Amino acid sequence: MSEPLDGIEVFVAVAEAGNFSVAADKLKLTRSAVSKSVARLEARLDTRLFHRTTRSHALTQQGHAYYERCRRALAELAAAGEELEAGRQEPVGRLRLTMPVIIGRLLIAPLLFELGERYPQLSFDIAYSDRRADLIEEGIDLAIRSGVLDDSTTLAARPLGRQVMAVYASPGYLAKHSRPTSFDDLLVQRESHRFVGYARQGWRQPWRFASADGAAASVPFEVESRFVCDALDVVMDGAVAGWGLARVPVWMAAGHVAAGRLVRVFDEPEPFGYELHAVWPRMRTLPMKVRVVIDTLLARLPHSMAAAKAGE
């Protein structure tokens, strides 16, 4: 026996879009899946719901009446879910997250462990990756992303702070090479230095510095290196080993600086940084399990990065 609500959400999406393809894009389904879902619903009801043409799908008289009832029913179900969510005192369920490897492992994971201890019914499924996953297609509840976000009508975001970058080298390396005193000095001396480079998804990333006038645009500095890696902690290890200059987040280098293994090569009048954001699929009501993680990151993550910076 078919479920009473089987195909209703698809039917309402097609009715509102007026087109199977547009509805399929909205629902993240194939056009064939949408068409078959509507066909099954019509067969179950023994009623034609749409007048079909090659370009559009208009509701029949019966289809329009059915749409109004279905729309109200879905609204009631959504409202009921919101009331349950609002009345819930603690987050429950499994939360799927994706986040950059280094900050995820070193700064975010400890916060999630704390949340897990505080809320025994909350579980986490974490993917550490710098790849920008399709949250809706892959069923991910929350992503932490570094850098400029793409425009999206299906995703929502909150800023979590900024990862300030700086240039570092080992004391041994600087003892053998002239130490740049500024970005302009680095440009002049670049032929006499070695660099430890960072690659992302197979592409070598330029170092970026804030422009002299403080504008939003950044100044790229192309890095040629014998040592290139897609893990920033290994890039930093390369600098510690004396392979050359490296550009990494200030918070991440703080421990090596405190121990004397790294030196901040020069200060920047306008430090450059990458914005961190929490990103999630847009919805009317944010589930408590997602909201509690976002609130924790907002409250703790900027402090964690600032504390590390202060300890430098």
C-alpha atoms as a PDB file:
ATOM      1  CA  MET A   1       0.000   0.000   0.000  1.00  0.00           C
ATOM      2  CA  SER A   2       1.318   3.443  -0.922  1.00  0.00           C
ATOM      3  CA  GLU A   3       1.995   6.001   1.793  1.00  0.00           C
ATOM      4  CA  PRO A   4      -0.663   8.779   1.835  1.00  0.00           C
ATOM      5  CA  LEU A   5       1.941  11.511   1.444  1.00  0.00           C
ATOM      6  CA  ASP A   6       3.991   9.719  -1.204  1.00  0.00           C
ATOM      7  CA  GLY A   7       4.595  12.134  -4.087  1.00  0.00           C
ATOM      8  CA  ILE A   8       2.808  15.103  -2.467  1.00  0.00           C
ATOM      9  CA  GLU A   9       5.922  17.258  -1.993  1.00  0.00           C
ATOM     10  CA  VAL A  10       6.962  16.583  -5.597  1.00  0.00           C
ATOM     11  CA  PHE A  11       3.468  17.428  -6.858  1.00  0.00           C
ATOM     12  CA  VAL A  12       3.401  20.735  -4.957  1.00  0.00           C
ATOM     13  CA  ALA A  13       6.874  21.643  -6.251  1.00  0.00           C
ATOM     14  CA  VAL A  14       5.793  21.015  -9.870  1.00  0.00           C
ATOM     15  CA  ALA A  15       2.563  22.962  -9.376  1.00  0.00           C
ATOM     16  CA  GLU A  16       4.494  25.959  -8.020  1.00  0.00           C
ATOM     17  CA  ALA A  17       7.263  25.772 -10.620  1.00  0.00           C
ATOM     18  CA  GLY A  18       4.963  25.082 -13.582  1.00  0.00           C
ATOM     19  CA  ASN A  19       7.643  22.872 -15.054  1.00  0.00           C
ATOM     20  CA  PHE A  20       9.013  19.413 -14.271  1.00  0.00           C
ATOM     21  CA  SER A  21      12.645  20.386 -14.924  1.00  0.00           C
ATOM     22  CA  VAL A  22      12.547  23.438 -12.654  1.00  0.00           C
ATOM     23  CA  ALA A  23      10.914  21.406  -9.895  1.00  0.00           C
ATOM     24  CA  ALA A  24      13.524  18.671 -10.337  1.00  0.00           C
ATOM     25  CA  ASP A  25      16.336  21.212  -9.880  1.00  0.00           C
ATOM     26  CA  LYS A  26      14.683  22.582  -6.758  1.00  0.00           C
ATOM     27  CA  LEU A  27      14.223  19.132  -5.244  1.00  0.00           C
ATOM     28  CA  LYS A  28      17.665  17.915  -6.357  1.00  0.00           C
ATOM     29  CA  LEU A  29      16.056  15.052  -8.291  1.00  0.00           C
ATOM     30  CA  THR A  30      16.196  13.992 -11.916  1.00  0.00           C
ATOM     31  CA  ARG A  31      13.401  15.111 -14.222  1.00  0.00           C
ATOM     32  CA  SER A  32      12.536  11.449 -14.813  1.00  0.00           C
ATOM     33  CA  ALA A  33      12.123  10.838 -11.073  1.00  0.00           C
ATOM     34  CA  VAL A  34       9.811  13.835 -10.751  1.00  0.00           C
ATOM     35  CA  SER A  35       7.739  12.778 -13.765  1.00  0.00           C
ATOM     36  CA  LYS A  36       7.362   9.222 -12.476  1.00  0.00           C
ATOM     37  CA  SER A  37       6.393  10.456  -9.000  1.00  0.00           C
ATOM     38  CA  VAL A  38       3.600  12.625 -10.406  1.00  0.00           C
ATOM     39  CA  ALA A  39       2.448   9.820 -12.699  1.00  0.00           C
ATOM     40  CA  ARG A  40       2.197   7.420  -9.755  1.00  0.00           C
ATOM     41  CA  LEU A  41       0.214   9.990  -7.780  1.00  0.00           C
ATOM     42  CA  GLU A  42      -2.193  10.533 -10.669  1.00  0.00           C
ATOM     43  CA  ALA A  43      -2.645   6.777 -11.044  1.00  0.00           C
ATOM     44  CA  ARG A  44      -3.312   6.381  -7.333  1.00  0.00           C
ATOM     45  CA  LEU A  45      -5.874   9.194  -7.400  1.00  0.00           C
ATOM     46  CA  ASP A  46      -7.244   8.113 -10.788  1.00  0.00           C
ATOM     47  CA  THR A  47      -7.214  11.815 -11.745  1.00  0.00           C
ATOM     48  CA  ARG A  48      -5.191  13.896 -14.200  1.00  0.00           C
ATOM     49  CA  LEU A  49      -3.550  16.721 -12.230  1.00  0.00           C
ATOM     50  CA  PHE A  50      -1.735  18.559 -15.037  1.00  0.00           C
ATOM     51  CA  HIS A  51      -2.352  19.695 -18.593  1.00  0.00           C
ATOM     52  CA  ARG A  52       0.996  18.767 -20.170  1.00  0.00           C
ATOM     53  CA  THR A  53       2.720  20.636 -23.003  1.00  0.00           C
ATOM     54  CA  THR A  54       6.329  20.538 -24.181  1.00  0.00           C
ATOM     55  CA  ARG A  55       7.182  23.699 -22.227  1.00  0.00           C
ATOM     56  CA  SER A  56       4.898  23.853 -19.193  1.00  0.00           C
ATOM     57  CA  HIS A  57       2.538  21.922 -16.976  1.00  0.00           C
ATOM     58  CA  ALA A  58      -0.646  23.736 -15.931  1.00  0.00           C
ATOM     59  CA  LEU A  59      -2.921  22.401 -13.224  1.00  0.00           C
ATOM     60  CA  THR A  60      -6.261  20.937 -14.202  1.00  0.00           C
ATOM     61  CA  GLN A  61      -9.318  22.054 -12.253  1.00  0.00           C
ATOM     62  CA  GLN A  62      -9.042  18.959 -10.056  1.00  0.00           C
ATOM     63  CA  GLY A  63      -5.299  19.470  -9.808  1.00  0.00           C
ATOM     64  CA  HIS A  64      -5.713  23.048  -8.602  1.00  0.00           C
ATOM     65  CA  ALA A  65      -8.158  22.024  -5.868  1.00  0.00           C
ATOM     66  CA  TYR A  66      -5.879  19.186  -4.816  1.00  0.00           C
ATOM     67  CA  TYR A  67      -2.847  21.517  -4.802  1.00  0.00           C
ATOM     68  CA  GLU A  68      -4.510  23.954  -2.391  1.00  0.00           C
ATOM     69  CA  ARG A  69      -5.268  21.165   0.065  1.00  0.00           C
ATOM     70  CA  CYS A  70      -1.780  19.661  -0.272  1.00  0.00           C
ATOM     71  CA  ARG A  71      -0.112  23.036   0.191  1.00  0.00           C
ATOM     72  CA  ARG A  72      -2.028  23.625   3.423  1.00  0.00           C
ATOM     73  CA  ALA A  73      -1.266  20.098   4.622  1.00  0.00           C
ATOM     74  CA  LEU A  74       2.471  20.506   4.068  1.00  0.00           C
ATOM     75  CA  ALA A  75       2.387  23.868   5.845  1.00  0.00           C
ATOM     76  CA  GLU A  76       0.674  22.238   8.818  1.00  0.00           C
ATOM     77  CA  LEU A  77       3.268  19.464   8.920  1.00  0.00           C
ATOM     78  CA  ALA A  78       6.076  22.030   8.822  1.00  0.00           C
ATOM     79  CA  ALA A  79       4.442  24.019  11.620  1.00  0.00           C
ATOM     80  CA  ALA A  80       4.038  20.861  13.710  1.00  0.00           C
ATOM     81  CA  GLY A  81       7.718  20.075  13.256  1.00  0.00           C
ATOM     82  CA  GLU A  82       8.652  23.600  14.279  1.00  0.00           C
ATOM     83  CA  GLU A  83       6.559  23.339  17.432  1.00  0.00           C
ATOM     84  CA  LEU A  84       8.244  20.067  18.362  1.00  0.00           C
ATOM     85  CA  GLU A  85      11.664  21.550  17.664  1.00  0.00           C
ATOM     86  CA  ALA A  86      10.874  24.679  19.679  1.00  0.00           C
ATOM     87  CA  GLY A  87       9.713  22.574  22.636  1.00  0.00           C
ATOM     88  CA  ARG A  88      12.766  20.345  22.634  1.00  0.00           C
ATOM     89  CA  GLN A  89      15.166  21.133  25.473  1.00  0.00           C
ATOM     90  CA  GLU A  90      18.216  19.300  24.145  1.00  0.00           C
ATOM     91  CA  PRO A  91      19.581  18.569  20.651  1.00  0.00           C
ATOM     92  CA  VAL A  92      19.233  14.980  19.490  1.00  0.00           C
ATOM     93  CA  GLY A  93      20.205  13.030  16.399  1.00  0.00           C
ATOM     94  CA  ARG A  94      23.202  12.617  14.132  1.00  0.00           C
ATOM     95  CA  LEU A  95      24.807  15.711  12.616  1.00  0.00           C
ATOM     96  CA  ARG A  96      26.782  15.368   9.380  1.00  0.00           C
ATOM     97  CA  LEU A  97      29.570  17.950   9.055  1.00  0.00           C
ATOM     98  CA  THR A  98      32.387  18.771   6.660  1.00  0.00           C
ATOM     99  CA  MET A  99      35.254  21.126   7.422  1.00  0.00           C
ATOM    100  CA  PRO A 100      38.885  21.960   6.519  1.00  0.00           C
ATOM    101  CA  VAL A 101      41.338  19.419   7.863  1.00  0.00           C
ATOM    102  CA  ILE A 102      43.614  21.478  10.098  1.00  0.00           C
ATOM    103  CA  ILE A 103      41.253  23.873  11.834  1.00  0.00           C
ATOM    104  CA  GLY A 104      38.695  21.092  12.023  1.00  0.00           C
ATOM    105  CA  ARG A 105      41.040  18.692  13.738  1.00  0.00           C
ATOM    106  CA  LEU A 106      42.830  21.140  16.042  1.00  0.00           C
ATOM    107  CA  LEU A 107      40.179  23.717  16.999  1.00  0.00           C
ATOM    108  CA  ILE A 108      36.702  22.463  16.107  1.00  0.00           C
ATOM    109  CA  ALA A 109      36.900  18.781  17.084  1.00  0.00           C
ATOM    110  CA  PRO A 110      37.620  19.596  20.787  1.00  0.00           C
ATOM    111  CA  LEU A 111      34.489  21.780  20.847  1.00  0.00           C
ATOM    112  CA  LEU A 112      32.414  18.961  19.363  1.00  0.00           C
ATOM    113  CA  PHE A 113      33.768  16.552  21.995  1.00  0.00           C
ATOM    114  CA  GLU A 114      32.556  18.996  24.663  1.00  0.00           C
ATOM    115  CA  LEU A 115      29.116  19.186  23.057  1.00  0.00           C
ATOM    116  CA  GLY A 116      28.945  15.409  22.877  1.00  0.00           C
ATOM    117  CA  GLU A 117      29.632  15.186  26.598  1.00  0.00           C
ATOM    118  CA  ARG A 118      27.002  17.823  27.347  1.00  0.00           C
ATOM    119  CA  TYR A 119      24.324  16.315  25.083  1.00  0.00           C
ATOM    120  CA  PRO A 120      24.433  12.487  25.181  1.00  0.00           C
ATOM    121  CA  GLN A 121      21.809  12.124  22.412  1.00  0.00           C
ATOM    122  CA  LEU A 122      23.828  14.190  19.928  1.00  0.00           C
ATOM    123  CA  SER A 123      26.085  12.341  17.461  1.00  0.00           C
ATOM    124  CA  PHE A 124      28.566  13.560  14.857  1.00  0.00           C
ATOM    125  CA  ASP A 125      29.625  12.263  11.457  1.00  0.00           C
ATOM    126  CA  ILE A 126      32.593  14.408  10.322  1.00  0.00           C
ATOM    127  CA  ALA A 127      34.406  14.581   6.987  1.00  0.00           C
ATOM    128  CA  TYR A 128      37.707  16.477   7.026  1.00  0.00           C
ATOM    129  CA  SER A 129      38.333  17.897   3.565  1.00  0.00           C
ATOM    130  CA  ASP A 130      39.154  21.179   1.820  1.00  0.00           C
ATOM    131  CA  ARG A 131      36.809  20.144  -1.001  1.00  0.00           C
ATOM    132  CA  ARG A 132      33.609  22.178  -1.192  1.00  0.00           C
ATOM    133  CA  ALA A 133      30.965  19.485  -0.963  1.00  0.00           C
ATOM    134  CA  ASP A 134      27.436  19.851  -2.316  1.00  0.00           C
ATOM    135  CA  LEU A 135      25.608  19.966   1.003  1.00  0.00           C
ATOM    136  CA  ILE A 136      22.160  19.229  -0.370  1.00  0.00           C
ATOM    137  CA  GLU A 137      23.233  16.528  -2.817  1.00  0.00           C
ATOM    138  CA  GLU A 138      25.396  14.784  -0.193  1.00  0.00           C
ATOM    139  CA  GLY A 139      22.999  15.201   2.726  1.00  0.00           C
ATOM    140  CA  ILE A 140      25.378  17.304   4.847  1.00  0.00           C
ATOM    141  CA  ASP A 141      23.879  19.343   7.695  1.00  0.00           C
ATOM    142  CA  LEU A 142      26.681  21.838   8.274  1.00  0.00           C
ATOM    143  CA  ALA A 143      29.938  22.890   6.626  1.00  0.00           C
ATOM    144  CA  ILE A 144      32.788  25.072   7.860  1.00  0.00           C
ATOM    145  CA  ARG A 145      34.331  26.917   4.924  1.00  0.00           C
ATOM    146  CA  SER A 146      37.334  29.176   4.591  1.00  0.00           C
ATOM    147  CA  GLY A 147      37.536  31.983   2.036  1.00  0.00           C
ATOM    148  CA  VAL A 148      35.007  33.703  -0.181  1.00  0.00           C
ATOM    149  CA  LEU A 149      31.644  31.963  -0.415  1.00  0.00           C
ATOM    150  CA  ASP A 150      29.840  31.313  -3.673  1.00  0.00           C
ATOM    151  CA  ASP A 151      26.494  33.037  -4.196  1.00  0.00           C
ATOM    152  CA  SER A 152      23.681  30.632  -3.383  1.00  0.00           C
ATOM    153  CA  THR A 153      19.919  30.776  -2.951  1.00  0.00           C
ATOM    154  CA  THR A 154      19.821  27.317  -1.340  1.00  0.00           C
ATOM    155  CA  LEU A 155      22.439  27.842   1.391  1.00  0.00           C
ATOM    156  CA  ALA A 156      22.620  30.074   4.471  1.00  0.00           C
ATOM    157  CA  ALA A 157      25.808  31.188   6.251  1.00  0.00           C
ATOM    158  CA  ARG A 158      27.178  32.856   9.396  1.00  0.00           C
ATOM    159  CA  PRO A 159      30.705  34.313   9.745  1.00  0.00           C
ATOM    160  CA  LEU A 160      32.789  32.643  12.451  1.00  0.00           C
ATOM    161  CA  GLY A 161      35.911  34.786  12.416  1.00  0.00           C
ATOM    162  CA  ARG A 162      39.039  35.252  10.341  1.00  0.00           C
ATOM    163  CA  GLN A 163      42.221  33.197   9.943  1.00  0.00           C
ATOM    164  CA  VAL A 164      45.007  35.777   9.797  1.00  0.00           C
ATOM    165  CA  MET A 165      48.001  34.687   7.712  1.00  0.00           C
ATOM    166  CA  ALA A 166      51.692  35.476   8.205  1.00  0.00           C
ATOM    167  CA  VAL A 167      55.084  34.490   6.751  1.00  0.00           C
ATOM    168  CA  TYR A 168      57.270  32.211   8.891  1.00  0.00           C
ATOM    169  CA  ALA A 169      60.697  30.618   8.712  1.00  0.00           C
ATOM    170  CA  SER A 170      63.017  28.702  11.014  1.00  0.00           C
ATOM    171  CA  PRO A 171      65.777  30.594  12.863  1.00  0.00           C
ATOM    172  CA  GLY A 172      68.320  28.410  11.056  1.00  0.00           C
ATOM    173  CA  TYR A 173      66.970  29.386   7.637  1.00  0.00           C
ATOM    174  CA  LEU A 174      66.977  33.104   8.503  1.00  0.00           C
ATOM    175  CA  ALA A 175      70.563  32.826   9.759  1.00  0.00           C
ATOM    176  CA  LYS A 176      71.596  31.856   6.206  1.00  0.00           C
ATOM    177  CA  HIS A 177      69.325  34.175   4.205  1.00  0.00           C
ATOM    178  CA  SER A 178      68.606  37.879   4.260  1.00  0.00           C
ATOM    179  CA  ARG A 179      65.413  38.520   6.235  1.00  0.00           C
ATOM    180  CA  PRO A 180      62.712  40.507   4.388  1.00  0.00           C
ATOM    181  CA  THR A 181      61.284  43.364   6.427  1.00  0.00           C
ATOM    182  CA  SER A 182      58.049  43.829   4.462  1.00  0.00           C
ATOM    183  CA  PHE A 183      56.051  42.489   1.539  1.00  0.00           C
ATOM    184  CA  ASP A 184      57.796  44.962  -0.792  1.00  0.00           C
ATOM    185  CA  ASP A 185      61.151  43.759   0.502  1.00  0.00           C
ATOM    186  CA  LEU A 186      60.058  40.177  -0.146  1.00  0.00           C
ATOM    187  CA  LEU A 187      59.311  41.091  -3.771  1.00  0.00           C
ATOM    188  CA  VAL A 188      62.850  42.463  -4.128  1.00  0.00           C
ATOM    189  CA  GLN A 189      64.502  39.464  -2.450  1.00  0.00           C
ATOM    190  CA  ARG A 190      62.355  36.670  -3.889  1.00  0.00           C
ATOM    191  CA  GLU A 191      65.110  35.245  -6.121  1.00  0.00           C
ATOM    192  CA  SER A 192      67.337  34.675  -3.100  1.00  0.00           C
ATOM    193  CA  HIS A 193      64.733  32.745  -1.093  1.00  0.00           C
ATOM    194  CA  ARG A 194      63.181  29.291  -1.048  1.00  0.00           C
ATOM    195  CA  PHE A 195      59.491  28.764  -0.384  1.00  0.00           C
ATOM    196  CA  VAL A 196      57.280  26.022   0.988  1.00  0.00           C
ATOM    197  CA  GLY A 197      54.123  26.033  -1.129  1.00  0.00           C
ATOM    198  CA  TYR A 198      50.511  25.026  -0.547  1.00  0.00           C
ATOM    199  CA  ALA A 199      48.339  23.335  -3.174  1.00  0.00           C
ATOM    200  CA  ARG A 200      44.563  22.953  -3.115  1.00  0.00           C
ATOM    201  CA  GLN A 201      42.836  20.353  -5.258  1.00  0.00           C
ATOM    202  CA  GLY A 202      45.921  20.117  -7.443  1.00  0.00           C
ATOM    203  CA  TRP A 203      46.434  23.888  -7.891  1.00  0.00           C
ATOM    204  CA  ARG A 204      49.303  25.795  -6.328  1.00  0.00           C
ATOM    205  CA  GLN A 205      47.875  28.627  -4.257  1.00  0.00           C
ATOM    206  CA  PRO A 206      49.436  32.098  -4.407  1.00  0.00           C
ATOM    207  CA  TRP A 207      50.211  33.891  -1.184  1.00  0.00           C
ATOM    208  CA  ARG A 208      47.827  36.789  -0.707  1.00  0.00           C
ATOM    209  CA  PHE A 209      48.522  40.065   1.058  1.00  0.00           C
ATOM    210  CA  ALA A 210      46.270  43.011   1.850  1.00  0.00           C
ATOM    211  CA  SER A 211      46.681  45.863  -0.617  1.00  0.00           C
ATOM    212  CA  ALA A 212      48.589  48.915   0.566  1.00  0.00           C
ATOM    213  CA  ASP A 213      45.475  51.117   0.555  1.00  0.00           C
ATOM    214  CA  GLY A 214      43.529  48.638   2.675  1.00  0.00           C
ATOM    215  CA  ALA A 215      41.063  47.858  -0.081  1.00  0.00           C
ATOM    216  CA  ALA A 216      39.147  44.597  -0.109  1.00  0.00           C
ATOM    217  CA  ALA A 217      41.153  43.266  -3.056  1.00  0.00           C
ATOM    218  CA  SER A 218      44.199  41.191  -2.194  1.00  0.00           C
ATOM    219  CA  VAL A 219      47.647  41.190  -3.782  1.00  0.00           C
ATOM    220  CA  PRO A 220      48.729  37.730  -5.027  1.00  0.00           C
ATOM    221  CA  PHE A 221      52.326  36.581  -4.700  1.00  0.00           C
ATOM    222  CA  GLU A 222      53.097  33.561  -6.879  1.00  0.00           C
ATOM    223  CA  VAL A 223      55.220  30.976  -5.052  1.00  0.00           C
ATOM    224  CA  GLU A 224      57.593  28.619  -6.864  1.00  0.00           C
ATOM    225  CA  SER A 225      58.806  25.843  -4.613  1.00  0.00           C
ATOM    226  CA  ARG A 226      60.591  22.493  -4.544  1.00  0.00           C
ATOM    227  CA  PHE A 227      58.249  21.475  -1.741  1.00  0.00           C
ATOM    228  CA  VAL A 228      54.484  21.776  -2.340  1.00  0.00           C
ATOM    229  CA  CYS A 229      51.843  20.083  -0.200  1.00  0.00           C
ATOM    230  CA  ASP A 230      48.062  20.094   0.175  1.00  0.00           C
ATOM    231  CA  ALA A 231      48.225  19.988   3.988  1.00  0.00           C
ATOM    232  CA  LEU A 232      49.013  23.244   5.781  1.00  0.00           C
ATOM    233  CA  ASP A 233      50.444  21.515   8.841  1.00  0.00           C
ATOM    234  CA  VAL A 234      52.990  19.764   6.623  1.00  0.00           C
ATOM    235  CA  VAL A 235      53.751  23.092   4.909  1.00  0.00           C
ATOM    236  CA  MET A 236      54.467  24.476   8.360  1.00  0.00           C
ATOM    237  CA  ASP A 237      56.639  21.437   9.185  1.00  0.00           C
ATOM    238  CA  GLY A 238      58.618  22.212   6.034  1.00  0.00           C
ATOM    239  CA  ALA A 239      59.332  25.688   7.350  1.00  0.00           C
ATOM    240  CA  VAL A 240      60.352  24.244  10.734  1.00  0.00           C
ATOM    241  CA  ALA A 241      62.731  21.889   8.908  1.00  0.00           C
ATOM    242  CA  GLY A 242      64.388  24.868   7.210  1.00  0.00           C
ATOM    243  CA  TRP A 243      63.058  24.347   3.687  1.00  0.00           C
ATOM    244  CA  GLY A 244      62.192  28.007   3.314  1.00  0.00           C
ATOM    245  CA  LEU A 245      59.539  30.627   3.936  1.00  0.00           C
ATOM    246  CA  ALA A 246      55.962  29.463   4.535  1.00  0.00           C
ATOM    247  CA  ARG A 247      52.676  31.344   4.854  1.00  0.00           C
ATOM    248  CA  VAL A 248      50.286  29.769   7.341  1.00  0.00           C
ATOM    249  CA  PRO A 249      47.581  30.877   9.805  1.00  0.00           C
ATOM    250  CA  VAL A 250      48.928  32.758  12.820  1.00  0.00           C
ATOM    251  CA  TRP A 251      47.010  30.590  15.284  1.00  0.00           C
ATOM    252  CA  MET A 252      48.511  27.437  13.810  1.00  0.00           C
ATOM    253  CA  ALA A 253      52.120  28.635  14.020  1.00  0.00           C
ATOM    254  CA  ALA A 254      51.814  30.016  17.570  1.00  0.00           C
ATOM    255  CA  GLY A 255      53.099  26.879  19.313  1.00  0.00           C
ATOM    256  CA  HIS A 256      56.207  26.643  17.114  1.00  0.00           C
ATOM    257  CA  VAL A 257      56.889  30.361  17.616  1.00  0.00           C
ATOM    258  CA  ALA A 258      56.593  30.005  21.391  1.00  0.00           C
ATOM    259  CA  ALA A 259      59.007  27.054  21.304  1.00  0.00           C
ATOM    260  CA  GLY A 260      61.513  28.964  19.154  1.00  0.00           C
ATOM    261  CA  ARG A 261      61.145  26.672  16.140  1.00  0.00           C
ATOM    262  CA  LEU A 262      59.631  29.379  13.913  1.00  0.00           C
ATOM    263  CA  VAL A 263      59.976  33.131  13.570  1.00  0.00           C
ATOM    264  CA  ARG A 264      57.426  35.524  12.112  1.00  0.00           C
ATOM    265  CA  VAL A 265      59.480  37.016   9.295  1.00  0.00           C
ATOM    266  CA  PHE A 266      57.829  40.464   9.140  1.00  0.00           C
ATOM    267  CA  ASP A 267      54.744  42.266  10.396  1.00  0.00           C
ATOM    268  CA  GLU A 268      52.096  43.422   7.964  1.00  0.00           C
ATOM    269  CA  PRO A 269      50.449  46.849   8.469  1.00  0.00           C
ATOM    270  CA  GLU A 270      47.144  45.390   7.250  1.00  0.00           C
ATOM    271  CA  PRO A 271      47.128  41.641   8.004  1.00  0.00           C
ATOM    272  CA  PHE A 272      45.467  39.464   5.399  1.00  0.00           C
ATOM    273  CA  GLY A 273      43.074  36.743   6.466  1.00  0.00           C
ATOM    274  CA  TYR A 274      40.522  34.238   5.209  1.00  0.00           C
ATOM    275  CA  GLU A 275      36.997  34.467   6.564  1.00  0.00           C
ATOM    276  CA  LEU A 276      35.548  31.359   8.165  1.00  0.00           C
ATOM    277  CA  HIS A 277      31.841  30.636   7.752  1.00  0.00           C
ATOM    278  CA  ALA A 278      29.334  28.102   8.967  1.00  0.00           C
ATOM    279  CA  VAL A 279      27.224  27.076   5.968  1.00  0.00           C
ATOM    280  CA  TRP A 280      24.052  24.991   5.931  1.00  0.00           C
ATOM    281  CA  PRO A 281      21.090  24.228   3.641  1.00  0.00           C
ATOM    282  CA  ARG A 282      18.568  27.057   3.889  1.00  0.00           C
ATOM    283  CA  MET A 283      15.370  26.108   5.727  1.00  0.00           C
ATOM    284  CA  ARG A 284      12.493  27.770   7.568  1.00  0.00           C
ATOM    285  CA  THR A 285      13.559  26.521  10.995  1.00  0.00           C
ATOM    286  CA  LEU A 286      17.109  25.586  11.895  1.00  0.00           C
ATOM    287  CA  PRO A 287      17.207  22.224  13.718  1.00  0.00           C
ATOM    288  CA  MET A 288      18.445  22.472  17.273  1.00  0.00           C
ATOM    289  CA  LYS A 289      21.287  20.022  16.594  1.00  0.00           C
ATOM    290  CA  VAL A 290      22.639  22.436  13.961  1.00  0.00           C
ATOM    291  CA  ARG A 291      21.915  25.583  15.925  1.00  0.00           C
ATOM    292  CA  VAL A 292      23.740  24.427  19.059  1.00  0.00           C
ATOM    293  CA  VAL A 293      26.910  23.719  17.052  1.00  0.00           C
ATOM    294  CA  ILE A 294      26.790  27.082  15.261  1.00  0.00           C
ATOM    295  CA  ASP A 295      26.224  28.922  18.568  1.00  0.00           C
ATOM    296  CA  THR A 296      29.169  27.112  20.149  1.00  0.00           C
ATOM    297  CA  LEU A 297      31.471  27.918  17.232  1.00  0.00           C
ATOM    298  CA  LEU A 298      30.402  31.579  17.304  1.00  0.00           C
ATOM    299  CA  ALA A 299      31.149  31.787  21.000  1.00  0.00           C
ATOM    300  CA  ARG A 300      34.396  29.814  21.128  1.00  0.00           C
ATOM    301  CA  LEU A 301      36.179  29.668  17.776  1.00  0.00           C
ATOM    302  CA  PRO A 302      37.197  33.358  17.466  1.00  0.00           C
ATOM    303  CA  HIS A 303      38.543  33.191  21.020  1.00  0.00           C
ATOM    304  CA  SER A 304      40.508  30.026  20.233  1.00  0.00           C
ATOM    305  CA  MET A 305      42.178  31.676  17.256  1.00  0.00           C
ATOM    306  CA  ALA A 306      42.817  34.923  19.152  1.00  0.00           C
ATOM    307  CA  ALA A 307      44.263  33.084  22.149  1.00  0.00           C
ATOM    308  CA  ALA A 308      46.704  31.254  19.927  1.00  0.00           C
ATOM    309  CA  LYS A 309      47.651  34.525  18.251  1.00  0.00           C
ATOM    310  CA  ALA A 310      48.221  36.209  21.614  1.00  0.00           C
ATOM    311  CA  GLY A 311      50.418  33.348  22.701  1.00  0.00           C
ATOM    312  CA  GLU A 312      52.661  33.876  19.699  1.00  0.00           C
END
